[in-house]
C-alpha atoms as a PDB file:
ATOM      1  CA  MET A   1      22.552  37.665 -51.310  1.00  0.00           C
ATOM      2  CA  LYS A   2      19.817  37.977 -48.654  1.00  0.00           C
ATOM      3  CA  LYS A   3      17.887  40.966 -47.427  1.00  0.00           C
ATOM      4  CA  SER A   4      16.601  41.510 -43.901  1.00  0.00           C
ATOM      5  CA  ILE A   5      13.242  43.004 -43.006  1.00  0.00           C
ATOM      6  CA  LEU A   6      13.285  45.712 -40.361  1.00  0.00           C
ATOM      7  CA  ALA A   7      10.399  46.223 -37.970  1.00  0.00           C
ATOM      8  CA  PRO A   8       7.965  48.858 -39.335  1.00  0.00           C
ATOM      9  CA  ALA A   9       8.773  51.299 -36.498  1.00  0.00           C
ATOM     10  CA  THR A  10      12.395  51.752 -37.597  1.00  0.00           C
ATOM     11  CA  PHE A  11      13.672  54.522 -39.832  1.00  0.00           C
ATOM     12  CA  ALA A  12      14.470  54.138 -43.550  1.00  0.00           C
ATOM     13  CA  LEU A  13      18.137  53.191 -43.633  1.00  0.00           C
ATOM     14  CA  ALA A  14      21.098  53.149 -45.981  1.00  0.00           C
ATOM     15  CA  ALA A  15      23.743  50.550 -45.144  1.00  0.00           C
ATOM     16  CA  VAL A  16      27.479  51.048 -45.627  1.00  0.00           C
ATOM     17  CA  ILE A  17      30.605  49.121 -44.885  1.00  0.00           C
ATOM     18  CA  LEU A  18      32.903  51.223 -42.748  1.00  0.00           C
ATOM     19  CA  ALA A  19      36.611  51.545 -43.357  1.00  0.00           C
ATOM     20  CA  SER A  20      39.234  53.254 -41.194  1.00  0.00           C
ATOM     21  CA  GLY A  21      40.941  56.372 -42.553  1.00  0.00           C
ATOM     22  CA  CYS A  22      44.657  57.055 -42.668  1.00  0.00           C
ATOM     23  CA  SER A  23      46.537  60.274 -41.996  1.00  0.00           C
ATOM     24  CA  ASP A  24      48.623  62.076 -44.615  1.00  0.00           C
ATOM     25  CA  LYS A  25      51.141  63.882 -42.375  1.00  0.00           C
ATOM     26  CA  LYS A  26      52.689  65.836 -45.248  1.00  0.00           C
ATOM     27  CA  ASN A  27      49.487  67.624 -46.166  1.00  0.00           C
ATOM     28  CA  ASN A  28      47.903  67.234 -42.690  1.00  0.00           C
ATOM     29  CA  THR A  29      44.745  65.737 -44.312  1.00  0.00           C
ATOM     30  CA  ILE A  30      42.820  62.482 -43.911  1.00  0.00           C
ATOM     31  CA  ALA A  31      42.472  60.267 -46.955  1.00  0.00           C
ATOM     32  CA  GLY A  32      39.128  58.463 -47.293  1.00  0.00           C
ATOM     33  CA  VAL A  33      38.665  54.866 -48.387  1.00  0.00           C
ATOM     34  CA  PRO A  34      35.805  54.017 -50.805  1.00  0.00           C
ATOM     35  CA  VAL A  35      32.947  52.058 -49.224  1.00  0.00           C
ATOM     36  CA  LEU A  36      29.857  50.281 -50.564  1.00  0.00           C
ATOM     37  CA  VAL A  37      26.505  51.959 -50.003  1.00  0.00           C
ATOM     38  CA  ALA A  38      23.014  50.466 -50.441  1.00  0.00           C
ATOM     39  CA  LYS A  39      19.588  52.055 -50.176  1.00  0.00           C
ATOM     40  CA  SER A  40      16.816  50.752 -47.987  1.00  0.00           C
ATOM     41  CA  PHE A  41      13.325  50.545 -49.486  1.00  0.00           C
ATOM     42  CA  GLU A  42       9.754  49.638 -48.597  1.00  0.00           C
ATOM     43  CA  THR A  43       8.034  46.646 -50.195  1.00  0.00           C
ATOM     44  CA  ASN A  44       5.495  43.907 -49.541  1.00  0.00           C
ATOM     45  CA  VAL A  45       7.261  40.786 -48.299  1.00  0.00           C
ATOM     46  CA  PRO A  46       5.816  37.230 -48.176  1.00  0.00           C
ATOM     47  CA  VAL A  47       6.127  35.418 -44.846  1.00  0.00           C
ATOM     48  CA  GLN A  48       7.327  31.879 -45.572  1.00  0.00           C
ATOM     49  CA  ILE A  49       8.579  28.841 -43.689  1.00  0.00           C
ATOM     50  CA  ASP A  50      12.363  29.016 -43.604  1.00  0.00           C
ATOM     51  CA  PRO A  51      14.214  26.898 -44.494  1.00  0.00           C
ATOM     52  CA  PRO A  52      11.877  25.512 -47.183  1.00  0.00           C
ATOM     53  CA  PRO A  53      10.953  21.891 -46.384  1.00  0.00           C
ATOM     54  CA  VAL A  54      11.933  19.082 -48.730  1.00  0.00           C
ATOM     55  CA  GLY A  55       8.928  17.632 -50.529  1.00  0.00           C
ATOM     56  CA  HIS A  56       8.186  14.487 -52.485  1.00  0.00           C
ATOM     57  CA  VAL A  57       6.180  14.617 -55.719  1.00  0.00           C
ATOM     58  CA  MET A  58       3.476  11.988 -56.075  1.00  0.00           C
ATOM     59  CA  PRO A  59       0.626  11.389 -58.546  1.00  0.00           C
ATOM     60  CA  VAL A  60      -2.927  12.253 -57.584  1.00  0.00           C
ATOM     61  CA  SER A  61      -3.940   8.708 -58.509  1.00  0.00           C
ATOM     62  CA  THR A  62      -2.106   5.499 -59.435  1.00  0.00           C
ATOM     63  CA  VAL A  63      -3.888   2.557 -61.075  1.00  0.00           C
ATOM     64  CA  THR A  64      -2.389  -0.871 -61.717  1.00  0.00           C
ATOM     65  CA  VAL A  65      -4.116  -2.451 -64.721  1.00  0.00           C
ATOM     66  CA  HIS A  66      -4.973  -6.162 -64.580  1.00  0.00           C
ATOM     67  CA  SER A  67      -6.977  -8.382 -66.917  1.00  0.00           C
ATOM     68  CA  GLN A  68     -10.301  -9.700 -65.639  1.00  0.00           C
ATOM     69  CA  ILE A  69     -10.094 -12.766 -67.888  1.00  0.00           C
ATOM     70  CA  GLY A  70      -7.234 -15.018 -68.913  1.00  0.00           C
ATOM     71  CA  GLY A  71      -6.066 -15.343 -72.474  1.00  0.00           C
ATOM     72  CA  ILE A  72      -3.590 -14.269 -75.114  1.00  0.00           C
ATOM     73  CA  ILE A  73      -2.930 -10.539 -75.679  1.00  0.00           C
ATOM     74  CA  SER A  74      -3.714 -10.097 -79.351  1.00  0.00           C
ATOM     75  CA  GLU A  75      -3.003  -6.357 -79.605  1.00  0.00           C
ATOM     76  CA  VAL A  76      -1.566  -3.406 -77.664  1.00  0.00           C
ATOM     77  CA  HIS A  77      -3.203  -0.086 -78.612  1.00  0.00           C
ATOM     78  CA  PHE A  78      -0.818   2.481 -77.077  1.00  0.00           C
ATOM     79  CA  LYS A  79       2.856   3.313 -76.757  1.00  0.00           C
ATOM     80  CA  GLU A  80       4.354   3.020 -73.301  1.00  0.00           C
ATOM     81  CA  GLY A  81       5.047   6.384 -71.719  1.00  0.00           C
ATOM     82  CA  ASN A  82       2.251   8.142 -73.624  1.00  0.00           C
ATOM     83  CA  GLU A  83      -0.696  10.012 -72.172  1.00  0.00           C
ATOM     84  CA  VAL A  84      -4.028   8.179 -72.313  1.00  0.00           C
ATOM     85  CA  LYS A  85      -7.571   9.340 -71.683  1.00  0.00           C
ATOM     86  CA  SER A  86     -10.082   7.589 -69.473  1.00  0.00           C
ATOM     87  CA  ASN A  87     -11.827   4.711 -71.326  1.00  0.00           C
ATOM     88  CA  ALA A  88      -9.129   4.634 -74.030  1.00  0.00           C
ATOM     89  CA  LEU A  89      -8.533   1.116 -75.400  1.00  0.00           C
ATOM     90  CA  LEU A  90      -5.256  -0.289 -74.061  1.00  0.00           C
ATOM     91  CA  PHE A  91      -5.178  -4.042 -74.763  1.00  0.00           C
ATOM     92  CA  THR A  92      -7.222  -6.615 -76.643  1.00  0.00           C
ATOM     93  CA  ILE A  93      -7.370 -10.168 -75.316  1.00  0.00           C
ATOM     94  CA  ASP A  94      -8.118 -12.815 -77.970  1.00  0.00           C
ATOM     95  CA  PRO A  95     -11.962 -12.663 -78.023  1.00  0.00           C
ATOM     96  CA  ARG A  96     -12.620 -15.993 -79.795  1.00  0.00           C
ATOM     97  CA  PRO A  97     -13.025 -18.168 -76.660  1.00  0.00           C
ATOM     98  CA  SER A  98     -15.385 -15.620 -75.123  1.00  0.00           C
ATOM     99  CA  GLN A  99     -17.343 -15.290 -78.355  1.00  0.00           C
ATOM    100  CA  ALA A 100     -17.704 -19.086 -78.545  1.00  0.00           C
ATOM    101  CA  ALA A 101     -18.973 -19.190 -74.958  1.00  0.00           C
ATOM    102  CA  LEU A 102     -21.515 -16.499 -75.817  1.00  0.00           C
ATOM    103  CA  ASP A 103     -22.737 -18.418 -78.861  1.00  0.00           C
ATOM    104  CA  GLN A 104     -23.083 -21.582 -76.745  1.00  0.00           C
ATOM    105  CA  ALA A 105     -25.081 -19.724 -74.079  1.00  0.00           C
ATOM    106  CA  ARG A 106     -27.435 -18.306 -76.694  1.00  0.00           C
ATOM    107  CA  ALA A 107     -27.947 -21.771 -78.235  1.00  0.00           C
ATOM    108  CA  ASN A 108     -28.741 -23.196 -74.804  1.00  0.00           C
ATOM    109  CA  LEU A 109     -31.285 -20.471 -74.225  1.00  0.00           C
ATOM    110  CA  GLU A 110     -32.983 -21.176 -77.536  1.00  0.00           C
ATOM    111  CA  ARG A 111     -33.166 -24.894 -76.795  1.00  0.00           C
ATOM    112  CA  ASP A 112     -34.423 -24.500 -73.252  1.00  0.00           C
ATOM    113  CA  SER A 113     -36.920 -21.819 -74.215  1.00  0.00           C
ATOM    114  CA  GLY A 114     -38.578 -24.382 -76.529  1.00  0.00           C
ATOM    115  CA  GLN A 115     -38.673 -26.899 -73.694  1.00  0.00           C
ATOM    116  CA  LEU A 116     -40.238 -24.272 -71.433  1.00  0.00           C
ATOM    117  CA  GLU A 117     -43.010 -23.574 -73.918  1.00  0.00           C
ATOM    118  CA  TYR A 118     -43.745 -27.316 -74.117  1.00  0.00           C
ATOM    119  CA  GLN A 119     -43.926 -27.571 -70.317  1.00  0.00           C
ATOM    120  CA  LYS A 120     -46.257 -24.583 -70.148  1.00  0.00           C
ATOM    121  CA  ALA A 121     -48.630 -26.140 -72.705  1.00  0.00           C
ATOM    122  CA  ASN A 122     -48.446 -29.518 -70.990  1.00  0.00           C
ATOM    123  CA  PHE A 123     -49.276 -28.041 -67.594  1.00  0.00           C
ATOM    124  CA  ALA A 124     -52.210 -26.043 -69.003  1.00  0.00           C
ATOM    125  CA  ARG A 125     -53.599 -29.238 -70.575  1.00  0.00           C
ATOM    126  CA  ASP A 126     -53.180 -31.144 -67.323  1.00  0.00           C
ATOM    127  CA  GLN A 127     -55.129 -28.508 -65.435  1.00  0.00           C
ATOM    128  CA  LYS A 128     -58.102 -28.970 -67.773  1.00  0.00           C
ATOM    129  CA  LEU A 129     -57.912 -32.781 -67.514  1.00  0.00           C
ATOM    130  CA  PHE A 130     -57.695 -32.588 -63.746  1.00  0.00           C
ATOM    131  CA  ALA A 131     -60.771 -30.341 -63.671  1.00  0.00           C
ATOM    132  CA  ALA A 132     -62.611 -33.004 -65.704  1.00  0.00           C
ATOM    133  CA  LYS A 133     -61.363 -35.631 -63.234  1.00  0.00           C
ATOM    134  CA  ILE A 134     -59.533 -37.493 -65.998  1.00  0.00           C
ATOM    135  CA  ILE A 135     -56.027 -37.401 -64.408  1.00  0.00           C
ATOM    136  CA  SER A 136     -54.889 -37.484 -60.822  1.00  0.00           C
ATOM    137  CA  GLU A 137     -53.549 -34.586 -58.742  1.00  0.00           C
ATOM    138  CA  ASP A 138     -50.162 -36.327 -58.591  1.00  0.00           C
ATOM    139  CA  GLN A 139     -49.809 -36.037 -62.349  1.00  0.00           C
ATOM    140  CA  VAL A 140     -50.574 -32.327 -62.199  1.00  0.00           C
ATOM    141  CA  ASP A 141     -47.970 -31.816 -59.453  1.00  0.00           C
ATOM    142  CA  THR A 142     -45.339 -33.685 -61.481  1.00  0.00           C
ATOM    143  CA  ASP A 143     -45.964 -31.543 -64.565  1.00  0.00           C
ATOM    144  CA  LYS A 144     -45.886 -28.384 -62.419  1.00  0.00           C
ATOM    145  CA  ALA A 145     -42.437 -29.384 -61.111  1.00  0.00           C
ATOM    146  CA  SER A 146     -41.231 -29.949 -64.669  1.00  0.00           C
ATOM    147  CA  LEU A 147     -42.503 -26.502 -65.630  1.00  0.00           C
ATOM    148  CA  ASP A 148     -40.701 -24.888 -62.708  1.00  0.00           C
ATOM    149  CA  ALA A 149     -37.458 -26.678 -63.633  1.00  0.00           C
ATOM    150  CA  ALA A 150     -37.733 -25.516 -67.234  1.00  0.00           C
ATOM    151  CA  THR A 151     -38.327 -21.954 -66.047  1.00  0.00           C
ATOM    152  CA  GLY A 152     -35.214 -22.105 -63.859  1.00  0.00           C
ATOM    153  CA  THR A 153     -33.138 -23.494 -66.709  1.00  0.00           C
ATOM    154  CA  VAL A 154     -34.131 -20.604 -68.979  1.00  0.00           C
ATOM    155  CA  SER A 155     -33.233 -18.108 -66.229  1.00  0.00           C
ATOM    156  CA  ALA A 156     -29.798 -19.747 -65.839  1.00  0.00           C
ATOM    157  CA  ASP A 157     -29.310 -19.568 -69.623  1.00  0.00           C
ATOM    158  CA  ARG A 158     -30.028 -15.828 -69.598  1.00  0.00           C
ATOM    159  CA  ALA A 159     -27.521 -15.345 -66.748  1.00  0.00           C
ATOM    160  CA  ALA A 160     -24.935 -17.335 -68.716  1.00  0.00           C
ATOM    161  CA  ILE A 161     -25.466 -15.020 -71.693  1.00  0.00           C
ATOM    162  CA  THR A 162     -24.968 -11.956 -69.463  1.00  0.00           C
ATOM    163  CA  ASN A 163     -21.748 -13.461 -68.094  1.00  0.00           C
ATOM    164  CA  ALA A 164     -20.526 -14.329 -71.589  1.00  0.00           C
ATOM    165  CA  LEU A 165     -21.222 -10.768 -72.759  1.00  0.00           C
ATOM    166  CA  LEU A 166     -19.216  -9.406 -69.819  1.00  0.00           C
ATOM    167  CA  ASN A 167     -16.293 -11.704 -70.596  1.00  0.00           C
ATOM    168  CA  LEU A 168     -16.407 -10.579 -74.202  1.00  0.00           C
ATOM    169  CA  GLU A 169     -16.323  -6.961 -73.051  1.00  0.00           C
ATOM    170  CA  PHE A 170     -13.424  -7.759 -70.692  1.00  0.00           C
ATOM    171  CA  CYS A 171     -11.410  -8.776 -73.774  1.00  0.00           C
ATOM    172  CA  ARG A 172     -11.084  -5.021 -74.432  1.00  0.00           C
ATOM    173  CA  ILE A 173      -9.086  -3.523 -71.544  1.00  0.00           C
ATOM    174  CA  ARG A 174      -9.597   0.235 -71.206  1.00  0.00           C
ATOM    175  CA  ALA A 175      -7.901   2.991 -69.203  1.00  0.00           C
ATOM    176  CA  PRO A 176      -9.733   3.654 -65.923  1.00  0.00           C
ATOM    177  CA  ILE A 177      -8.328   7.211 -65.548  1.00  0.00           C
ATOM    178  CA  ASP A 178      -6.585   9.966 -67.481  1.00  0.00           C
ATOM    179  CA  GLY A 179      -2.852   9.645 -66.989  1.00  0.00           C
ATOM    180  CA  LYS A 180       0.597   8.747 -68.211  1.00  0.00           C
ATOM    181  CA  THR A 181       1.387   5.121 -68.895  1.00  0.00           C
ATOM    182  CA  GLY A 182       4.426   3.380 -67.496  1.00  0.00           C
ATOM    183  CA  GLY A 183       6.424   0.521 -68.951  1.00  0.00           C
ATOM    184  CA  LEU A 184       4.616  -2.483 -70.418  1.00  0.00           C
ATOM    185  CA  GLN A 185       4.584  -5.575 -68.219  1.00  0.00           C
ATOM    186  CA  SER A 186       2.976  -7.833 -70.821  1.00  0.00           C
ATOM    187  CA  TYR A 187       3.277  -7.654 -74.604  1.00  0.00           C
ATOM    188  CA  ALA A 188       1.266  -8.872 -77.585  1.00  0.00           C
ATOM    189  CA  GLY A 189       1.440 -12.654 -77.731  1.00  0.00           C
ATOM    190  CA  ASN A 190       1.827 -13.113 -73.963  1.00  0.00           C
ATOM    191  CA  VAL A 191      -0.673 -15.276 -72.120  1.00  0.00           C
ATOM    192  CA  VAL A 192      -2.069 -13.413 -69.104  1.00  0.00           C
ATOM    193  CA  LYS A 193      -3.555 -14.986 -66.020  1.00  0.00           C
ATOM    194  CA  ALA A 194      -6.454 -13.131 -64.449  1.00  0.00           C
ATOM    195  CA  PRO A 195      -6.327 -11.330 -62.118  1.00  0.00           C
ATOM    196  CA  ASP A 196      -2.732 -11.921 -60.995  1.00  0.00           C
ATOM    197  CA  ASP A 197      -0.691 -10.577 -63.899  1.00  0.00           C
ATOM    198  CA  VAL A 198       0.053  -6.836 -64.012  1.00  0.00           C
ATOM    199  CA  LEU A 199      -0.229  -5.359 -67.496  1.00  0.00           C
ATOM    200  CA  LEU A 200       0.493  -1.681 -66.875  1.00  0.00           C
ATOM    201  CA  THR A 201       0.623   1.127 -64.294  1.00  0.00           C
ATOM    202  CA  ILE A 202      -0.978   4.512 -65.004  1.00  0.00           C
ATOM    203  CA  ASN A 203      -0.141   7.668 -63.012  1.00  0.00           C
ATOM    204  CA  GLN A 204      -2.400  10.700 -63.043  1.00  0.00           C
ATOM    205  CA  ILE A 205      -0.043  13.714 -63.087  1.00  0.00           C
ATOM    206  CA  HIS A 206      -2.453  16.498 -64.105  1.00  0.00           C
ATOM    207  CA  PRO A 207      -2.857  17.720 -61.414  1.00  0.00           C
ATOM    208  CA  ILE A 208      -0.082  16.392 -59.202  1.00  0.00           C
ATOM    209  CA  TYR A 209       0.777  16.468 -55.493  1.00  0.00           C
ATOM    210  CA  ALA A 210       3.849  17.569 -53.571  1.00  0.00           C
ATOM    211  CA  THR A 211       3.866  16.140 -50.044  1.00  0.00           C
ATOM    212  CA  PHE A 212       6.042  17.702 -47.351  1.00  0.00           C
ATOM    213  CA  ALA A 213       6.253  17.994 -43.579  1.00  0.00           C
ATOM    214  CA  VAL A 214       6.661  21.098 -41.431  1.00  0.00           C
ATOM    215  CA  PRO A 215       7.349  21.425 -37.677  1.00  0.00           C
ATOM    216  CA  GLU A 216       4.189  21.218 -35.606  1.00  0.00           C
ATOM    217  CA  GLN A 217       4.627  24.760 -34.249  1.00  0.00           C
ATOM    218  CA  PHE A 218       3.518  26.075 -37.662  1.00  0.00           C
ATOM    219  CA  LEU A 219       0.209  24.184 -37.486  1.00  0.00           C
ATOM    220  CA  PRO A 220      -1.844  26.892 -35.670  1.00  0.00           C
ATOM    221  CA  VAL A 221      -0.683  29.558 -38.132  1.00  0.00           C
ATOM    222  CA  ILE A 222      -1.455  27.351 -41.127  1.00  0.00           C
ATOM    223  CA  GLN A 223      -4.915  26.463 -39.804  1.00  0.00           C
ATOM    224  CA  ASN A 224      -5.728  30.088 -39.054  1.00  0.00           C
ATOM    225  CA  GLN A 225      -4.630  31.287 -42.489  1.00  0.00           C
ATOM    226  CA  MET A 226      -6.473  28.472 -44.309  1.00  0.00           C
ATOM    227  CA  ARG A 227      -9.742  29.615 -42.708  1.00  0.00           C
ATOM    228  CA  GLN A 228      -9.282  32.947 -44.486  1.00  0.00           C
ATOM    229  CA  LYS A 229      -7.783  31.997 -47.845  1.00  0.00           C
ATOM    230  CA  MET A 230      -5.992  29.336 -49.851  1.00  0.00           C
ATOM    231  CA  LEU A 231      -2.288  29.259 -49.027  1.00  0.00           C
ATOM    232  CA  LYS A 232       0.050  29.518 -52.004  1.00  0.00           C
ATOM    233  CA  ALA A 233       2.918  27.102 -52.524  1.00  0.00           C
ATOM    234  CA  SER A 234       5.752  26.930 -55.031  1.00  0.00           C
ATOM    235  CA  VAL A 235       8.529  24.421 -55.623  1.00  0.00           C
ATOM    236  CA  THR A 236      12.096  24.480 -56.860  1.00  0.00           C
ATOM    237  CA  PHE A 237      14.469  21.682 -57.761  1.00  0.00           C
ATOM    238  CA  GLU A 238      17.943  21.138 -59.167  1.00  0.00           C
ATOM    239  CA  ASN A 239      18.643  22.021 -62.803  1.00  0.00           C
ATOM    240  CA  MET A 240      15.284  23.741 -63.096  1.00  0.00           C
ATOM    241  CA  THR A 241      14.777  25.315 -66.549  1.00  0.00           C
ATOM    242  CA  VAL A 242      11.232  26.631 -66.045  1.00  0.00           C
ATOM    243  CA  PRO A 243       9.709  29.157 -63.619  1.00  0.00           C
ATOM    244  CA  PRO A 244       8.906  27.641 -60.205  1.00  0.00           C
ATOM    245  CA  PRO A 245       5.587  25.759 -60.452  1.00  0.00           C
ATOM    246  CA  GLN A 246       2.821  27.444 -58.473  1.00  0.00           C
ATOM    247  CA  GLY A 247       0.144  25.582 -56.502  1.00  0.00           C
ATOM    248  CA  GLU A 248      -2.081  25.652 -53.430  1.00  0.00           C
ATOM    249  CA  LEU A 249      -2.064  23.877 -50.078  1.00  0.00           C
ATOM    250  CA  THR A 250      -4.953  21.392 -50.264  1.00  0.00           C
ATOM    251  CA  PHE A 251      -4.383  18.888 -47.448  1.00  0.00           C
ATOM    252  CA  VAL A 252      -3.330  18.943 -43.795  1.00  0.00           C
ATOM    253  CA  ASP A 253      -2.950  15.553 -42.136  1.00  0.00           C
ATOM    254  CA  ASN A 254      -5.219  14.710 -39.213  1.00  0.00           C
ATOM    255  CA  ALA A 255      -2.385  13.919 -36.792  1.00  0.00           C
ATOM    256  CA  VAL A 256       1.122  15.072 -35.917  1.00  0.00           C
ATOM    257  CA  ASP A 257       3.847  12.486 -36.378  1.00  0.00           C
ATOM    258  CA  GLU A 258       4.893  11.727 -32.799  1.00  0.00           C
ATOM    259  CA  THR A 259       8.297  10.449 -33.931  1.00  0.00           C
ATOM    260  CA  THR A 260       9.388  13.564 -35.837  1.00  0.00           C
ATOM    261  CA  GLY A 261       7.102  16.246 -34.381  1.00  0.00           C
ATOM    262  CA  THR A 262       5.991  17.271 -37.864  1.00  0.00           C
ATOM    263  CA  ILE A 263       2.676  17.523 -39.690  1.00  0.00           C
ATOM    264  CA  LEU A 264       2.230  16.167 -43.233  1.00  0.00           C
ATOM    265  CA  LEU A 265       0.910  18.596 -45.868  1.00  0.00           C
ATOM    266  CA  LYS A 266       0.023  18.301 -49.556  1.00  0.00           C
ATOM    267  CA  ALA A 267       0.096  21.019 -52.179  1.00  0.00           C
ATOM    268  CA  THR A 268      -1.646  20.561 -55.525  1.00  0.00           C
ATOM    269  CA  PHE A 269      -0.126  21.790 -58.805  1.00  0.00           C
ATOM    270  CA  THR A 270      -1.761  21.842 -62.252  1.00  0.00           C
ATOM    271  CA  ASN A 271       1.552  20.687 -63.779  1.00  0.00           C
ATOM    272  CA  GLY A 272       0.511  21.714 -67.266  1.00  0.00           C
ATOM    273  CA  ASP A 273       4.119  21.786 -68.489  1.00  0.00           C
ATOM    274  CA  ASP A 274       5.064  18.435 -66.861  1.00  0.00           C
ATOM    275  CA  ALA A 275       7.721  20.189 -64.779  1.00  0.00           C
ATOM    276  CA  LEU A 276       6.937  17.916 -61.822  1.00  0.00           C
ATOM    277  CA  TRP A 277       7.371  14.144 -62.020  1.00  0.00           C
ATOM    278  CA  PRO A 278       6.264  11.408 -59.611  1.00  0.00           C
ATOM    279  CA  GLY A 279       9.047  10.419 -57.220  1.00  0.00           C
ATOM    280  CA  GLN A 280      10.908  13.729 -57.650  1.00  0.00           C
ATOM    281  CA  PHE A 281      12.331  15.572 -54.624  1.00  0.00           C
ATOM    282  CA  VAL A 282      11.671  19.319 -54.455  1.00  0.00           C
ATOM    283  CA  GLN A 283      11.967  22.255 -52.079  1.00  0.00           C
ATOM    284  CA  VAL A 284       8.525  23.591 -51.173  1.00  0.00           C
ATOM    285  CA  THR A 285       7.989  27.262 -50.352  1.00  0.00           C
ATOM    286  CA  LEU A 286       4.747  27.770 -48.444  1.00  0.00           C
ATOM    287  CA  THR A 287       3.572  31.386 -48.139  1.00  0.00           C
ATOM    288  CA  LEU A 288       1.742  31.959 -44.851  1.00  0.00           C
ATOM    289  CA  SER A 289       1.003  35.695 -45.098  1.00  0.00           C
ATOM    290  CA  GLU A 290       2.441  38.970 -46.374  1.00  0.00           C
ATOM    291  CA  LEU A 291       4.070  41.948 -44.655  1.00  0.00           C
ATOM    292  CA  THR A 292       3.022  45.231 -46.244  1.00  0.00           C
ATOM    293  CA  ASN A 293       5.342  48.236 -46.558  1.00  0.00           C
ATOM    294  CA  ALA A 294       8.224  46.510 -44.793  1.00  0.00           C
ATOM    295  CA  VAL A 295      11.605  48.314 -44.719  1.00  0.00           C
ATOM    296  CA  VAL A 296      14.267  46.136 -46.385  1.00  0.00           C
ATOM    297  CA  VAL A 297      18.069  46.374 -46.162  1.00  0.00           C
ATOM    298  CA  PRO A 298      20.859  43.992 -47.243  1.00  0.00           C
ATOM    299  CA  SER A 299      21.709  41.492 -44.504  1.00  0.00           C
ATOM    300  CA  GLN A 300      25.402  42.436 -44.824  1.00  0.00           C
ATOM    301  CA  ALA A 301      24.525  45.889 -43.487  1.00  0.00           C
ATOM    302  CA  LEU A 302      23.390  44.527 -40.140  1.00  0.00           C
ATOM    303  CA  GLN A 303      25.914  44.714 -37.318  1.00  0.00           C
ATOM    304  CA  VAL A 304      25.704  43.425 -33.746  1.00  0.00           C
ATOM    305  CA  GLY A 305      26.815  45.492 -30.788  1.00  0.00           C
ATOM    306  CA  GLN A 306      26.437  45.386 -27.000  1.00  0.00           C
ATOM    307  CA  SER A 307      22.999  46.982 -27.258  1.00  0.00           C
ATOM    308  CA  GLY A 308      21.761  44.750 -30.057  1.00  0.00           C
ATOM    309  CA  GLN A 309      21.638  45.039 -33.815  1.00  0.00           C
ATOM    310  CA  PHE A 310      22.376  48.261 -35.647  1.00  0.00           C
ATOM    311  CA  VAL A 311      23.212  49.688 -39.070  1.00  0.00           C
ATOM    312  CA  TYR A 312      25.251  52.656 -40.220  1.00  0.00           C
ATOM    313  CA  VAL A 313      23.366  55.445 -41.976  1.00  0.00           C
ATOM    314  CA  VAL A 314      25.028  57.863 -44.355  1.00  0.00           C
ATOM    315  CA  GLN A 315      24.084  61.485 -43.624  1.00  0.00           C
ATOM    316  CA  SER A 316      24.994  64.123 -46.231  1.00  0.00           C
ATOM    317  CA  ASP A 317      26.615  67.376 -45.103  1.00  0.00           C
ATOM    318  CA  PRO A 318      24.316  70.134 -46.455  1.00  0.00           C
ATOM    319  CA  THR A 319      27.262  72.579 -46.698  1.00  0.00           C
ATOM    320  CA  ASN A 320      29.448  70.109 -48.576  1.00  0.00           C
ATOM    321  CA  GLN A 321      27.866  67.296 -50.593  1.00  0.00           C
ATOM    322  CA  ALA A 322      31.234  65.584 -50.898  1.00  0.00           C
ATOM    323  CA  ASN A 323      31.506  65.347 -47.137  1.00  0.00           C
ATOM    324  CA  GLN A 324      29.216  62.571 -45.846  1.00  0.00           C
ATOM    325  CA  ILE A 325      28.727  61.615 -42.207  1.00  0.00           C
ATOM    326  CA  VAL A 326      28.115  58.098 -40.921  1.00  0.00           C
ATOM    327  CA  GLU A 327      25.704  57.627 -38.034  1.00  0.00           C
ATOM    328  CA  MET A 328      24.936  54.424 -36.101  1.00  0.00           C
ATOM    329  CA  ARG A 329      21.232  53.534 -35.769  1.00  0.00           C
ATOM    330  CA  PRO A 330      19.783  50.686 -33.643  1.00  0.00           C
ATOM    331  CA  VAL A 331      17.224  48.546 -35.456  1.00  0.00           C
ATOM    332  CA  GLU A 332      14.831  45.651 -34.799  1.00  0.00           C
ATOM    333  CA  THR A 333      14.850  43.012 -37.494  1.00  0.00           C
ATOM    334  CA  GLY A 334      12.067  40.775 -38.690  1.00  0.00           C
ATOM    335  CA  ILE A 335      12.603  38.020 -41.252  1.00  0.00           C
ATOM    336  CA  THR A 336      15.302  37.309 -43.805  1.00  0.00           C
ATOM    337  CA  ILE A 337      14.391  36.738 -47.458  1.00  0.00           C
ATOM    338  CA  PRO A 338      16.446  35.829 -50.539  1.00  0.00           C
ATOM    339  CA  LYS A 339      17.329  38.660 -52.852  1.00  0.00           C
END
């Protein structure tokens, strides 16, 4: 059942469904037929886009997890479909090759550091001999080049250690965001190739988006209202067993779609009860403003005549409460809302 909002200037109304009477010739009386009567009332009414646009639920963020090094997955540390926190350990790649590379880099550094110390001492000795004019300048230049080469080798060894440490850290694959894990793409024992193989997809669903499009004629109203306050949004969907999730309009696209004449919007929902799911289709109710003290009557009470819309009002006879009079009243209607 729907109710219609009457313009504020109209009178408070009671709607009835009329029925024709019939004459009882024997008693020369008119027999009445029972009719339905409803009371009008004043209330605050939200102004919403009607009909509600169809929206598409999407995660705030989606991350596809890859491995940065190749190797064998030695362990999986979560169950697919579970929630994970940022930096939570997801996979372990067999660390032994990376550990061996690190040990080799450290051994190289130790060896080359000794060679560097020898070249430093040799060059210092050559400088003293050259000052005493015992050796030639060419010999000093040769030893200086050897010292520079040894210095470069030690620097390369330190860089190799840093790289080996990174590779060892990459053996532990961690969650980049908070979110819900999808299905596993690679299992323990699989050999992964970096960075091509996909291990897992994580969707952030707290909060979550609902994207929807509205006709471009609503854009000025939406922009004007958003300058004053956050616009409220709610969603409904089939077989819903929870109250409609409540959210706020947080995004208006920067261009109208020329093909459809619509503007893309996003509403954000906390989704604490997981009522909304990525990929789900919903109906989005966007509240633009609110009418205060609007007069409301059932839509069935509205009739259309030559002069426009009208309703019938029941007037009580003060001399006889059982005798009620029906009067036609013209009205101006506003919006229609669900009961």
